[in-house]
PDB file of N, CA and C in Angstrom:
ATOM      1  N   MET A   1      75.074   1.274 -28.826  1.00  0.00           N
ATOM      2  CA  MET A   1      74.683   0.153 -29.654  1.00  0.00           C
ATOM      3  C   MET A   1      75.667  -1.006 -29.512  1.00  0.00           C
ATOM      4  N   LEU A   2      76.943  -0.711 -29.478  1.00  0.00           N
ATOM      5  CA  LEU A   2      77.962  -1.754 -29.366  1.00  0.00           C
ATOM      6  C   LEU A   2      77.824  -2.522 -28.054  1.00  0.00           C
ATOM      7  N   ILE A   3      77.480  -1.837 -26.998  1.00  0.00           N
ATOM      8  CA  ILE A   3      77.334  -2.479 -25.695  1.00  0.00           C
ATOM      9  C   ILE A   3      76.172  -3.473 -25.707  1.00  0.00           C
ATOM     10  N   CYS A   4      75.139  -3.200 -26.477  1.00  0.00           N
ATOM     11  CA  CYS A   4      73.976  -4.094 -26.554  1.00  0.00           C
ATOM     12  C   CYS A   4      74.216  -5.304 -27.450  1.00  0.00           C
ATOM     13  N   THR A   5      75.104  -5.200 -28.396  1.00  0.00           N
ATOM     14  CA  THR A   5      75.267  -6.266 -29.392  1.00  0.00           C
ATOM     15  C   THR A   5      76.545  -7.076 -29.250  1.00  0.00           C
ATOM     16  N   HIS A   6      77.481  -6.625 -28.423  1.00  0.00           N
ATOM     17  CA  HIS A   6      78.769  -7.306 -28.305  1.00  0.00           C
ATOM     18  C   HIS A   6      79.167  -7.466 -26.844  1.00  0.00           C
ATOM     19  N   ASN A   7      80.068  -8.385 -26.596  1.00  0.00           N
ATOM     20  CA  ASN A   7      80.610  -8.606 -25.253  1.00  0.00           C
ATOM     21  C   ASN A   7      82.044  -8.121 -25.196  1.00  0.00           C
ATOM     22  N   ARG A   8      82.462  -7.709 -24.014  1.00  0.00           N
ATOM     23  CA  ARG A   8      83.845  -7.288 -23.822  1.00  0.00           C
ATOM     24  C   ARG A   8      84.766  -8.498 -23.923  1.00  0.00           C
ATOM     25  N   CYS A   9      85.878  -8.328 -24.629  1.00  0.00           N
ATOM     26  CA  CYS A   9      86.865  -9.400 -24.774  1.00  0.00           C
ATOM     27  C   CYS A   9      88.238  -8.759 -24.956  1.00  0.00           C
ATOM     28  N   SER A  10      89.257  -9.584 -25.085  1.00  0.00           N
ATOM     29  CA  SER A  10      90.601  -9.048 -25.300  1.00  0.00           C
ATOM     30  C   SER A  10      90.683  -8.422 -26.693  1.00  0.00           C
ATOM     31  N   LEU A  11      91.566  -7.462 -26.855  1.00  0.00           N
ATOM     32  CA  LEU A  11      91.691  -6.770 -28.137  1.00  0.00           C
ATOM     33  C   LEU A  11      92.064  -7.699 -29.277  1.00  0.00           C
ATOM     34  N   GLU A  12      92.926  -8.666 -29.017  1.00  0.00           N
ATOM     35  CA  GLU A  12      93.385  -9.541 -30.088  1.00  0.00           C
ATOM     36  C   GLU A  12      92.287 -10.460 -30.610  1.00  0.00           C
ATOM     37  N   ASN A  13      91.196 -10.649 -29.845  1.00  0.00           N
ATOM     38  CA  ASN A  13      90.088 -11.501 -30.269  1.00  0.00           C
ATOM     39  C   ASN A  13      88.862 -10.716 -30.703  1.00  0.00           C
ATOM     40  N   SER A  14      88.923  -9.402 -30.665  1.00  0.00           N
ATOM     41  CA  SER A  14      87.742  -8.584 -30.923  1.00  0.00           C
ATOM     42  C   SER A  14      87.480  -8.390 -32.414  1.00  0.00           C
ATOM     43  N   LYS A  15      86.231  -8.105 -32.718  1.00  0.00           N
ATOM     44  CA  LYS A  15      85.794  -7.808 -34.087  1.00  0.00           C
ATOM     45  C   LYS A  15      85.510  -6.320 -34.266  1.00  0.00           C
ATOM     46  N   LYS A  16      85.223  -5.645 -33.165  1.00  0.00           N
ATOM     47  CA  LYS A  16      84.977  -4.205 -33.166  1.00  0.00           C
ATOM     48  C   LYS A  16      85.682  -3.600 -31.961  1.00  0.00           C
ATOM     49  N   VAL A  17      85.935  -2.309 -32.051  1.00  0.00           N
ATOM     50  CA  VAL A  17      86.571  -1.606 -30.944  1.00  0.00           C
ATOM     51  C   VAL A  17      85.780  -0.324 -30.676  1.00  0.00           C
ATOM     52  N   LEU A  18      85.617  -0.002 -29.395  1.00  0.00           N
ATOM     53  CA  LEU A  18      84.949   1.223 -28.975  1.00  0.00           C
ATOM     54  C   LEU A  18      86.024   2.217 -28.566  1.00  0.00           C
ATOM     55  N   LEU A  19      86.037   3.376 -29.218  1.00  0.00           N
ATOM     56  CA  LEU A  19      87.036   4.410 -28.950  1.00  0.00           C
ATOM     57  C   LEU A  19      86.346   5.636 -28.376  1.00  0.00           C
ATOM     58  N   ILE A  20      86.963   6.257 -27.380  1.00  0.00           N
ATOM     59  CA  ILE A  20      86.450   7.494 -26.798  1.00  0.00           C
ATOM     60  C   ILE A  20      87.585   8.504 -26.831  1.00  0.00           C
ATOM     61  N   ASP A  21      87.385   9.616 -27.539  1.00  0.00           N
ATOM     62  CA  ASP A  21      88.450  10.616 -27.652  1.00  0.00           C
ATOM     63  C   ASP A  21      88.408  11.586 -26.474  1.00  0.00           C
ATOM     64  N   HIS A  22      89.304  12.558 -26.479  1.00  0.00           N
ATOM     65  CA  HIS A  22      89.405  13.477 -25.342  1.00  0.00           C
ATOM     66  C   HIS A  22      88.235  14.457 -25.262  1.00  0.00           C
ATOM     67  N   PHE A  23      87.382  14.516 -26.298  1.00  0.00           N
ATOM     68  CA  PHE A  23      86.152  15.309 -26.262  1.00  0.00           C
ATOM     69  C   PHE A  23      84.961  14.452 -25.829  1.00  0.00           C
ATOM     70  N   MET A  24      85.248  13.195 -25.418  1.00  0.00           N
ATOM     71  CA  MET A  24      84.241  12.221 -24.995  1.00  0.00           C
ATOM     72  C   MET A  24      83.314  11.792 -26.139  1.00  0.00           C
ATOM     73  N   GLN A  25      83.767  11.958 -27.369  1.00  0.00           N
ATOM     74  CA  GLN A  25      83.030  11.426 -28.514  1.00  0.00           C
ATOM     75  C   GLN A  25      83.331   9.941 -28.625  1.00  0.00           C
ATOM     76  N   LYS A  26      82.312   9.151 -28.955  1.00  0.00           N
ATOM     77  CA  LYS A  26      82.479   7.706 -29.057  1.00  0.00           C
ATOM     78  C   LYS A  26      82.451   7.282 -30.520  1.00  0.00           C
ATOM     79  N   PHE A  27      83.342   6.364 -30.846  1.00  0.00           N
ATOM     80  CA  PHE A  27      83.442   5.818 -32.196  1.00  0.00           C
ATOM     81  C   PHE A  27      83.524   4.302 -32.099  1.00  0.00           C
ATOM     82  N   THR A  28      82.844   3.611 -32.982  1.00  0.00           N
ATOM     83  CA  THR A  28      83.025   2.164 -33.099  1.00  0.00           C
ATOM     84  C   THR A  28      83.654   1.886 -34.457  1.00  0.00           C
ATOM     85  N   GLU A  29      84.672   1.067 -34.447  1.00  0.00           N
ATOM     86  CA  GLU A  29      85.389   0.726 -35.676  1.00  0.00           C
ATOM     87  C   GLU A  29      85.491  -0.787 -35.801  1.00  0.00           C
ATOM     88  N   ASN A  30      85.375  -1.272 -37.024  1.00  0.00           N
ATOM     89  CA  ASN A  30      85.568  -2.692 -37.298  1.00  0.00           C
ATOM     90  C   ASN A  30      87.052  -3.008 -37.330  1.00  0.00           C
ATOM     91  N   ILE A  31      87.420  -4.131 -36.746  1.00  0.00           N
ATOM     92  CA  ILE A  31      88.794  -4.615 -36.833  1.00  0.00           C
ATOM     93  C   ILE A  31      88.873  -5.535 -38.037  1.00  0.00           C
ATOM     94  N   ILE A  32      89.814  -5.269 -38.900  1.00  0.00           N
ATOM     95  CA  ILE A  32      89.962  -6.002 -40.150  1.00  0.00           C
ATOM     96  C   ILE A  32      91.177  -6.909 -40.047  1.00  0.00           C
ATOM     97  N   CYS A  33      91.002  -8.149 -40.460  1.00  0.00           N
ATOM     98  CA  CYS A  33      92.103  -9.106 -40.491  1.00  0.00           C
ATOM     99  C   CYS A  33      92.390  -9.443 -41.945  1.00  0.00           C
ATOM    100  N   ILE A  34      93.612  -9.173 -42.362  1.00  0.00           N
ATOM    101  CA  ILE A  34      94.035  -9.521 -43.717  1.00  0.00           C
ATOM    102  C   ILE A  34      95.121 -10.571 -43.592  1.00  0.00           C
ATOM    103  N   SER A  35      94.859 -11.729 -44.174  1.00  0.00           N
ATOM    104  CA  SER A  35      95.860 -12.797 -44.135  1.00  0.00           C
ATOM    105  C   SER A  35      96.779 -12.688 -45.339  1.00  0.00           C
ATOM    106  N   ASN A  36      97.891 -13.388 -45.281  1.00  0.00           N
ATOM    107  CA  ASN A  36      98.919 -13.260 -46.315  1.00  0.00           C
ATOM    108  C   ASN A  36      98.442 -13.689 -47.696  1.00  0.00           C
ATOM    109  N   ASP A  37      97.467 -14.581 -47.803  1.00  0.00           N
ATOM    110  CA  ASP A  37      97.003 -14.996 -49.124  1.00  0.00           C
ATOM    111  C   ASP A  37      96.215 -13.905 -49.834  1.00  0.00           C
ATOM    112  N   ARG A  38      95.729 -12.894 -49.102  1.00  0.00           N
ATOM    113  CA  ARG A  38      95.017 -11.771 -49.709  1.00  0.00           C
ATOM    114  C   ARG A  38      95.953 -10.604 -50.036  1.00  0.00           C
ATOM    115  N   LEU A  39      97.228 -10.735 -49.722  1.00  0.00           N
ATOM    116  CA  LEU A  39      98.195  -9.662 -49.934  1.00  0.00           C
ATOM    117  C   LEU A  39      99.190 -10.020 -51.026  1.00  0.00           C
ATOM    118  N   SER A  40      98.740 -10.590 -52.099  1.00  0.00           N
ATOM    119  CA  SER A  40      99.639 -11.181 -53.096  1.00  0.00           C
ATOM    120  C   SER A  40     100.640 -10.188 -53.679  1.00  0.00           C
ATOM    121  N   TYR A  41     100.266  -8.949 -53.910  1.00  0.00           N
ATOM    122  CA  TYR A  41     101.222  -8.033 -54.516  1.00  0.00           C
ATOM    123  C   TYR A  41     102.178  -7.412 -53.511  1.00  0.00           C
ATOM    124  N   HIS A  42     101.972  -7.617 -52.207  1.00  0.00           N
ATOM    125  CA  HIS A  42     102.889  -7.126 -51.181  1.00  0.00           C
ATOM    126  C   HIS A  42     103.740  -8.245 -50.586  1.00  0.00           C
ATOM    127  N   GLN A  43     103.628  -9.446 -51.119  1.00  0.00           N
ATOM    128  CA  GLN A  43     104.276 -10.589 -50.496  1.00  0.00           C
ATOM    129  C   GLN A  43     105.745 -10.691 -50.856  1.00  0.00           C
ATOM    130  N   ILE A  44     106.501 -11.206 -49.896  1.00  0.00           N
ATOM    131  CA  ILE A  44     107.881 -11.595 -50.155  1.00  0.00           C
ATOM    132  C   ILE A  44     108.009 -13.058 -49.784  1.00  0.00           C
ATOM    133  N   ARG A  45     108.848 -13.752 -50.453  1.00  0.00           N
ATOM    134  CA  ARG A  45     108.992 -15.179 -50.190  1.00  0.00           C
ATOM    135  C   ARG A  45     110.102 -15.399 -49.169  1.00  0.00           C
ATOM    136  N   ASP A  46     109.811 -16.221 -48.172  1.00  0.00           N
ATOM    137  CA  ASP A  46     110.781 -16.565 -47.139  1.00  0.00           C
ATOM    138  C   ASP A  46     111.327 -17.949 -47.467  1.00  0.00           C
ATOM    139  N   ASP A  47     112.601 -18.025 -47.852  1.00  0.00           N
ATOM    140  CA  ASP A  47     113.199 -19.287 -48.272  1.00  0.00           C
ATOM    141  C   ASP A  47     113.315 -20.298 -47.135  1.00  0.00           C
ATOM    142  N   HIS A  48     113.281 -19.833 -45.901  1.00  0.00           N
ATOM    143  CA  HIS A  48     113.457 -20.742 -44.771  1.00  0.00           C
ATOM    144  C   HIS A  48     112.210 -21.563 -44.471  1.00  0.00           C
ATOM    145  N   ASP A  49     111.049 -21.083 -44.865  1.00  0.00           N
ATOM    146  CA  ASP A  49     109.807 -21.756 -44.501  1.00  0.00           C
ATOM    147  C   ASP A  49     109.098 -22.381 -45.698  1.00  0.00           C
ATOM    148  N   GLY A  50     109.785 -22.709 -46.739  1.00  0.00           N
ATOM    149  CA  GLY A  50     109.152 -23.375 -47.877  1.00  0.00           C
ATOM    150  C   GLY A  50     108.233 -22.458 -48.644  1.00  0.00           C
ATOM    151  N   ASP A  51     106.958 -22.804 -48.687  1.00  0.00           N
ATOM    152  CA  ASP A  51     105.993 -22.053 -49.481  1.00  0.00           C
ATOM    153  C   ASP A  51     105.268 -20.974 -48.693  1.00  0.00           C
ATOM    154  N   ASP A  52     105.656 -20.719 -47.452  1.00  0.00           N
ATOM    155  CA  ASP A  52     104.989 -19.692 -46.657  1.00  0.00           C
ATOM    156  C   ASP A  52     105.342 -18.307 -47.180  1.00  0.00           C
ATOM    157  N   TYR A  53     104.372 -17.406 -47.127  1.00  0.00           N
ATOM    158  CA  TYR A  53     104.583 -16.019 -47.506  1.00  0.00           C
ATOM    159  C   TYR A  53     104.411 -15.154 -46.268  1.00  0.00           C
ATOM    160  N   TRP A  54     105.086 -14.029 -46.253  1.00  0.00           N
ATOM    161  CA  TRP A  54     105.043 -13.132 -45.116  1.00  0.00           C
ATOM    162  C   TRP A  54     104.852 -11.710 -45.607  1.00  0.00           C
ATOM    163  N   VAL A  55     104.252 -10.890 -44.770  1.00  0.00           N
ATOM    164  CA  VAL A  55     104.189  -9.461 -45.013  1.00  0.00           C
ATOM    165  C   VAL A  55     104.973  -8.796 -43.887  1.00  0.00           C
ATOM    166  N   THR A  56     105.677  -7.732 -44.192  1.00  0.00           N
ATOM    167  CA  THR A  56     106.521  -7.047 -43.220  1.00  0.00           C
ATOM    168  C   THR A  56     105.782  -5.839 -42.666  1.00  0.00           C
ATOM    169  N   ILE A  57     105.750  -5.729 -41.330  1.00  0.00           N
ATOM    170  CA  ILE A  57     105.104  -4.592 -40.678  1.00  0.00           C
ATOM    171  C   ILE A  57     106.106  -3.902 -39.761  1.00  0.00           C
ATOM    172  N   PRO A  58     105.948  -2.583 -39.556  1.00  0.00           N
ATOM    173  CA  PRO A  58     106.854  -1.872 -38.641  1.00  0.00           C
ATOM    174  C   PRO A  58     106.484  -2.150 -37.189  1.00  0.00           C
ATOM    175  N   LYS A  59     107.488  -2.156 -36.316  1.00  0.00           N
ATOM    176  CA  LYS A  59     107.294  -2.342 -34.885  1.00  0.00           C
ATOM    177  C   LYS A  59     107.499  -1.007 -34.174  1.00  0.00           C
ATOM    178  N   ALA A  60     107.058  -0.919 -32.926  1.00  0.00           N
ATOM    179  CA  ALA A  60     107.172   0.316 -32.147  1.00  0.00           C
ATOM    180  C   ALA A  60     108.621   0.716 -31.909  1.00  0.00           C
ATOM    181  N   ASN A  61     109.534  -0.263 -31.851  1.00  0.00           N
ATOM    182  CA  ASN A  61     110.940   0.034 -31.579  1.00  0.00           C
ATOM    183  C   ASN A  61     111.738   0.393 -32.833  1.00  0.00           C
ATOM    184  N   GLY A  62     111.078   0.482 -33.987  1.00  0.00           N
ATOM    185  CA  GLY A  62     111.753   0.854 -35.225  1.00  0.00           C
ATOM    186  C   GLY A  62     112.168  -0.318 -36.085  1.00  0.00           C
ATOM    187  N   ASN A  63     112.084  -1.525 -35.560  1.00  0.00           N
ATOM    188  CA  ASN A  63     112.405  -2.723 -36.341  1.00  0.00           C
ATOM    189  C   ASN A  63     111.206  -3.143 -37.175  1.00  0.00           C
ATOM    190  N   PHE A  64     111.408  -4.145 -38.018  1.00  0.00           N
ATOM    191  CA  PHE A  64     110.337  -4.692 -38.833  1.00  0.00           C
ATOM    192  C   PHE A  64     110.167  -6.161 -38.501  1.00  0.00           C
ATOM    193  N   GLU A  65     108.938  -6.665 -38.660  1.00  0.00           N
ATOM    194  CA  GLU A  65     108.649  -8.068 -38.360  1.00  0.00           C
ATOM    195  C   GLU A  65     107.860  -8.676 -39.510  1.00  0.00           C
ATOM    196  N   ASN A  66     108.187  -9.919 -39.855  1.00  0.00           N
ATOM    197  CA  ASN A  66     107.431 -10.661 -40.860  1.00  0.00           C
ATOM    198  C   ASN A  66     106.283 -11.383 -40.172  1.00  0.00           C
ATOM    199  N   VAL A  67     105.068 -11.160 -40.657  1.00  0.00           N
ATOM    200  CA  VAL A  67     103.876 -11.800 -40.094  1.00  0.00           C
ATOM    201  C   VAL A  67     103.063 -12.410 -41.225  1.00  0.00           C
ATOM    202  N   ASN A  68     102.167 -13.333 -40.890  1.00  0.00           N
ATOM    203  CA  ASN A  68     101.342 -13.941 -41.926  1.00  0.00           C
ATOM    204  C   ASN A  68      99.936 -13.358 -41.972  1.00  0.00           C
ATOM    205  N   SER A  69      99.609 -12.430 -41.064  1.00  0.00           N
ATOM    206  CA  SER A  69      98.328 -11.724 -41.125  1.00  0.00           C
ATOM    207  C   SER A  69      98.457 -10.393 -40.384  1.00  0.00           C
ATOM    208  N   ILE A  70      97.552  -9.486 -40.710  1.00  0.00           N
ATOM    209  CA  ILE A  70      97.557  -8.152 -40.104  1.00  0.00           C
ATOM    210  C   ILE A  70      96.174  -7.879 -39.531  1.00  0.00           C
ATOM    211  N   LEU A  71      96.122  -7.417 -38.293  1.00  0.00           N
ATOM    212  CA  LEU A  71      94.897  -6.904 -37.687  1.00  0.00           C
ATOM    213  C   LEU A  71      95.021  -5.390 -37.640  1.00  0.00           C
ATOM    214  N   TYR A  72      93.990  -4.694 -38.110  1.00  0.00           N
ATOM    215  CA  TYR A  72      94.049  -3.238 -38.077  1.00  0.00           C
ATOM    216  C   TYR A  72      92.648  -2.642 -38.058  1.00  0.00           C
ATOM    217  N   PHE A  73      92.566  -1.368 -37.682  1.00  0.00           N
ATOM    218  CA  PHE A  73      91.346  -0.589 -37.841  1.00  0.00           C
ATOM    219  C   PHE A  73      91.751   0.829 -38.190  1.00  0.00           C
ATOM    220  N   GLU A  74      90.799   1.588 -38.714  1.00  0.00           N
ATOM    221  CA  GLU A  74      91.038   2.986 -39.061  1.00  0.00           C
ATOM    222  C   GLU A  74      90.061   3.861 -38.304  1.00  0.00           C
ATOM    223  N   ASN A  75      90.562   4.995 -37.814  1.00  0.00           N
ATOM    224  CA  ASN A  75      89.737   5.977 -37.146  1.00  0.00           C
ATOM    225  C   ASN A  75      90.248   7.351 -37.519  1.00  0.00           C
ATOM    226  N   LYS A  76      89.359   8.188 -38.021  1.00  0.00           N
ATOM    227  CA  LYS A  76      89.696   9.551 -38.443  1.00  0.00           C
ATOM    228  C   LYS A  76      90.878   9.556 -39.414  1.00  0.00           C
ATOM    229  N   LYS A  77      90.839   8.654 -40.386  1.00  0.00           N
ATOM    230  CA  LYS A  77      91.845   8.519 -41.444  1.00  0.00           C
ATOM    231  C   LYS A  77      93.227   8.109 -40.933  1.00  0.00           C
ATOM    232  N   VAL A  78      93.295   7.568 -39.726  1.00  0.00           N
ATOM    233  CA  VAL A  78      94.544   7.066 -39.163  1.00  0.00           C
ATOM    234  C   VAL A  78      94.393   5.560 -38.989  1.00  0.00           C
ATOM    235  N   ARG A  79      95.410   4.807 -39.401  1.00  0.00           N
ATOM    236  CA  ARG A  79      95.375   3.349 -39.304  1.00  0.00           C
ATOM    237  C   ARG A  79      96.180   2.894 -38.089  1.00  0.00           C
ATOM    238  N   TYR A  80      95.616   1.938 -37.363  1.00  0.00           N
ATOM    239  CA  TYR A  80      96.252   1.343 -36.193  1.00  0.00           C
ATOM    240  C   TYR A  80      96.410  -0.148 -36.453  1.00  0.00           C
ATOM    241  N   ILE A  81      97.620  -0.686 -36.266  1.00  0.00           N
ATOM    242  CA  ILE A  81      97.864  -2.106 -36.504  1.00  0.00           C
ATOM    243  C   ILE A  81      98.207  -2.799 -35.191  1.00  0.00           C
ATOM    244  N   TRP A  82      97.854  -4.073 -35.106  1.00  0.00           N
ATOM    245  CA  TRP A  82      98.072  -4.864 -33.898  1.00  0.00           C
ATOM    246  C   TRP A  82      99.533  -5.245 -33.768  1.00  0.00           C
ATOM    247  N   ASP A  83     100.092  -5.003 -32.594  1.00  0.00           N
ATOM    248  CA  ASP A  83     101.461  -5.395 -32.282  1.00  0.00           C
ATOM    249  C   ASP A  83     101.399  -6.519 -31.253  1.00  0.00           C
ATOM    250  N   ASN A  84     101.789  -7.722 -31.649  1.00  0.00           N
ATOM    251  CA  ASN A  84     101.719  -8.885 -30.763  1.00  0.00           C
ATOM    252  C   ASN A  84     102.657  -8.781 -29.569  1.00  0.00           C
ATOM    253  N   ASP A  85     103.769  -8.081 -29.708  1.00  0.00           N
ATOM    254  CA  ASP A  85     104.733  -7.982 -28.609  1.00  0.00           C
ATOM    255  C   ASP A  85     104.186  -7.188 -27.429  1.00  0.00           C
ATOM    256  N   VAL A  86     103.578  -6.050 -27.704  1.00  0.00           N
ATOM    257  CA  VAL A  86     103.035  -5.214 -26.628  1.00  0.00           C
ATOM    258  C   VAL A  86     101.541  -5.445 -26.427  1.00  0.00           C
ATOM    259  N   ARG A  87     100.924  -6.247 -27.286  1.00  0.00           N
ATOM    260  CA  ARG A  87      99.528  -6.652 -27.205  1.00  0.00           C
ATOM    261  C   ARG A  87      98.579  -5.460 -27.199  1.00  0.00           C
ATOM    262  N   GLU A  88      98.824  -4.541 -28.137  1.00  0.00           N
ATOM    263  CA  GLU A  88      97.940  -3.395 -28.316  1.00  0.00           C
ATOM    264  C   GLU A  88      98.052  -2.890 -29.743  1.00  0.00           C
ATOM    265  N   PHE A  89      97.100  -2.037 -30.121  1.00  0.00           N
ATOM    266  CA  PHE A  89      97.139  -1.435 -31.445  1.00  0.00           C
ATOM    267  C   PHE A  89      98.078  -0.236 -31.416  1.00  0.00           C
ATOM    268  N   MET A  90      98.926  -0.154 -32.426  1.00  0.00           N
ATOM    269  CA  MET A  90      99.891   0.933 -32.525  1.00  0.00           C
ATOM    270  C   MET A  90      99.542   1.799 -33.736  1.00  0.00           C
ATOM    271  N   LYS A  91      99.705   3.094 -33.582  1.00  0.00           N
ATOM    272  CA  LYS A  91      99.437   4.029 -34.669  1.00  0.00           C
ATOM    273  C   LYS A  91     100.458   3.818 -35.775  1.00  0.00           C
ATOM    274  N   LEU A  92      99.978   3.693 -37.000  1.00  0.00           N
ATOM    275  CA  LEU A  92     100.852   3.522 -38.151  1.00  0.00           C
ATOM    276  C   LEU A  92     101.164   4.898 -38.712  1.00  0.00           C
ATOM    277  N   HIS A  93     102.417   5.287 -38.718  1.00  0.00           N
ATOM    278  CA  HIS A  93     102.830   6.629 -39.166  1.00  0.00           C
ATOM    279  C   HIS A  93     103.112   6.623 -40.637  1.00  0.00           C
TER     280      HIS A  93
END
């Protein structure tokens, strides 16, 4: 169904993702974008940027990064978030 209704594009611009597991089962998941204005109770204020708000996400190397939006999807109760540095979705532990 996804192949009939959507076109292939880069992951960072996609609205849905097609996943195939090692049993060759196919799953389609919606990619959700949450911007910082929708994360009011998780926000921290950054004094360097005036009125901008940031949310902190973990990186693959163990560091944390402040971002103004989060791209993620869930599959089999596991959440994957977009990492701009490596340009792929990373499993959130």
